[in-house]
C-alpha atoms as a PDB file:
ATOM      1  CA  UNK A   1       0.106   1.497 -13.371  1.00  0.00           C
ATOM      2  CA  UNK A   2       2.713  -0.199 -11.174  1.00  0.00           C
ATOM      3  CA  UNK A   3       4.059   1.456  -8.043  1.00  0.00           C
ATOM      4  CA  UNK A   4       6.896   0.501  -5.724  1.00  0.00           C
ATOM      5  CA  UNK A   5       5.743   0.852  -2.111  1.00  0.00           C
ATOM      6  CA  UNK A   6       7.646   0.652   1.171  1.00  0.00           C
ATOM      7  CA  UNK A   7       5.295  -0.234   4.013  1.00  0.00           C
ATOM      8  CA  UNK A   8       5.889   0.653   7.650  1.00  0.00           C
ATOM      9  CA  UNK A   9       3.413  -1.308   9.764  1.00  0.00           C
ATOM     10  CA  UNK A  10       2.484  -0.459  13.348  1.00  0.00           C
ATOM     11  CA  UNK A  11       2.732   3.318  12.871  1.00  0.00           C
ATOM     12  CA  UNK A  12       0.780   5.824  14.961  1.00  0.00           C
ATOM     13  CA  UNK A  13      -1.298   6.999  11.983  1.00  0.00           C
ATOM     14  CA  UNK A  14      -1.978   6.067   8.371  1.00  0.00           C
ATOM     15  CA  UNK A  15      -0.005   8.221   5.964  1.00  0.00           C
ATOM     16  CA  UNK A  16       1.124   8.109   2.323  1.00  0.00           C
ATOM     17  CA  UNK A  17       4.339   9.927   1.376  1.00  0.00           C
ATOM     18  CA  UNK A  18       5.650  10.447  -2.169  1.00  0.00           C
ATOM     19  CA  UNK A  19       9.404   9.778  -2.494  1.00  0.00           C
ATOM     20  CA  UNK A  20      11.696  11.571  -4.940  1.00  0.00           C
ATOM     21  CA  UNK A  21      12.179   8.414  -7.033  1.00  0.00           C
ATOM     22  CA  UNK A  22       8.420   8.110  -7.660  1.00  0.00           C
ATOM     23  CA  UNK A  23       7.828   5.357  -5.116  1.00  0.00           C
ATOM     24  CA  UNK A  24       5.568   5.651  -2.091  1.00  0.00           C
ATOM     25  CA  UNK A  25       6.259   5.241   1.611  1.00  0.00           C
ATOM     26  CA  UNK A  26       3.082   4.151   3.381  1.00  0.00           C
ATOM     27  CA  UNK A  27       2.706   4.120   7.154  1.00  0.00           C
ATOM     28  CA  UNK A  28      -0.037   1.840   8.477  1.00  0.00           C
ATOM     29  CA  UNK A  29      -1.530   1.461  11.934  1.00  0.00           C
ATOM     30  CA  UNK A  30      -2.257  -2.222  11.272  1.00  0.00           C
ATOM     31  CA  UNK A  31       0.224  -4.891  12.299  1.00  0.00           C
ATOM     32  CA  UNK A  32       1.750  -7.453   9.946  1.00  0.00           C
ATOM     33  CA  UNK A  33      -0.104 -10.437  11.423  1.00  0.00           C
ATOM     34  CA  UNK A  34      -2.824 -12.317   9.528  1.00  0.00           C
ATOM     35  CA  UNK A  35      -2.575 -10.118   6.406  1.00  0.00           C
ATOM     36  CA  UNK A  36      -4.033  -7.102   8.259  1.00  0.00           C
ATOM     37  CA  UNK A  37      -1.390  -4.646   7.026  1.00  0.00           C
ATOM     38  CA  UNK A  38      -1.797  -5.761   3.394  1.00  0.00           C
ATOM     39  CA  UNK A  39      -5.576  -5.338   3.580  1.00  0.00           C
ATOM     40  CA  UNK A  40      -5.226  -1.895   5.139  1.00  0.00           C
ATOM     41  CA  UNK A  41      -2.664  -0.952   2.463  1.00  0.00           C
ATOM     42  CA  UNK A  42      -5.082  -1.908  -0.327  1.00  0.00           C
ATOM     43  CA  UNK A  43      -7.881   0.087   1.313  1.00  0.00           C
ATOM     44  CA  UNK A  44      -5.704   3.148   1.892  1.00  0.00           C
ATOM     45  CA  UNK A  45      -4.357   3.193  -1.672  1.00  0.00           C
ATOM     46  CA  UNK A  46      -7.847   2.684  -3.103  1.00  0.00           C
ATOM     47  CA  UNK A  47      -9.083   5.646  -1.061  1.00  0.00           C
ATOM     48  CA  UNK A  48      -6.050   7.755  -2.066  1.00  0.00           C
ATOM     49  CA  UNK A  49      -6.640   7.151  -5.788  1.00  0.00           C
ATOM     50  CA  UNK A  50     -10.446   7.252  -5.385  1.00  0.00           C
ATOM     51  CA  UNK A  51     -10.882   3.709  -6.727  1.00  0.00           C
ATOM     52  CA  UNK A  52     -12.621   0.564  -5.490  1.00  0.00           C
ATOM     53  CA  UNK A  53     -10.406  -1.917  -3.622  1.00  0.00           C
ATOM     54  CA  UNK A  54     -10.778  -4.382  -6.484  1.00  0.00           C
ATOM     55  CA  UNK A  55      -8.633  -2.061  -8.660  1.00  0.00           C
ATOM     56  CA  UNK A  56      -5.619  -2.331  -6.297  1.00  0.00           C
ATOM     57  CA  UNK A  57      -3.566  -5.520  -6.207  1.00  0.00           C
ATOM     58  CA  UNK A  58      -0.304  -6.531  -4.531  1.00  0.00           C
ATOM     59  CA  UNK A  59       1.768  -8.167  -7.269  1.00  0.00           C
ATOM     60  CA  UNK A  60       4.936  -8.890  -5.326  1.00  0.00           C
ATOM     61  CA  UNK A  61       6.064  -8.669  -1.699  1.00  0.00           C
ATOM     62  CA  UNK A  62       3.136 -10.091   0.259  1.00  0.00           C
ATOM     63  CA  UNK A  63       5.350 -10.925   3.246  1.00  0.00           C
ATOM     64  CA  UNK A  64       7.986  -8.168   3.093  1.00  0.00           C
ATOM     65  CA  UNK A  65       7.919  -4.391   3.478  1.00  0.00           C
ATOM     66  CA  UNK A  66       8.844  -3.569  -0.148  1.00  0.00           C
ATOM     67  CA  UNK A  67       5.917  -4.282  -2.451  1.00  0.00           C
ATOM     68  CA  UNK A  68       4.962  -3.810  -6.079  1.00  0.00           C
ATOM     69  CA  UNK A  69       1.362  -2.631  -6.407  1.00  0.00           C
ATOM     70  CA  UNK A  70      -0.748  -2.764  -9.568  1.00  0.00           C
ATOM     71  CA  UNK A  71      -3.383  -0.040  -9.829  1.00  0.00           C
ATOM     72  CA  UNK A  72      -5.944  -0.345 -12.612  1.00  0.00           C
ATOM     73  CA  UNK A  73      -7.199   3.121 -13.488  1.00  0.00           C
ATOM     74  CA  UNK A  74      -9.763   2.196 -16.145  1.00  0.00           C
END
């Protein structure tokens, strides 16, 4: 399953919001330096879908706020 995600780094709390178009808006407390926000995003999505982190992968957008995430459900 592929999901379009907009990431807002440096937020006050971690939060996942479902948008009307099916994409997600994810607020992260981590900052964008040294891949910290991407790692926190993977962990938060894995927890949200009740999957191990190895099942969540950033396909596109490693350095920008709009990302395409691959989630392997099986």
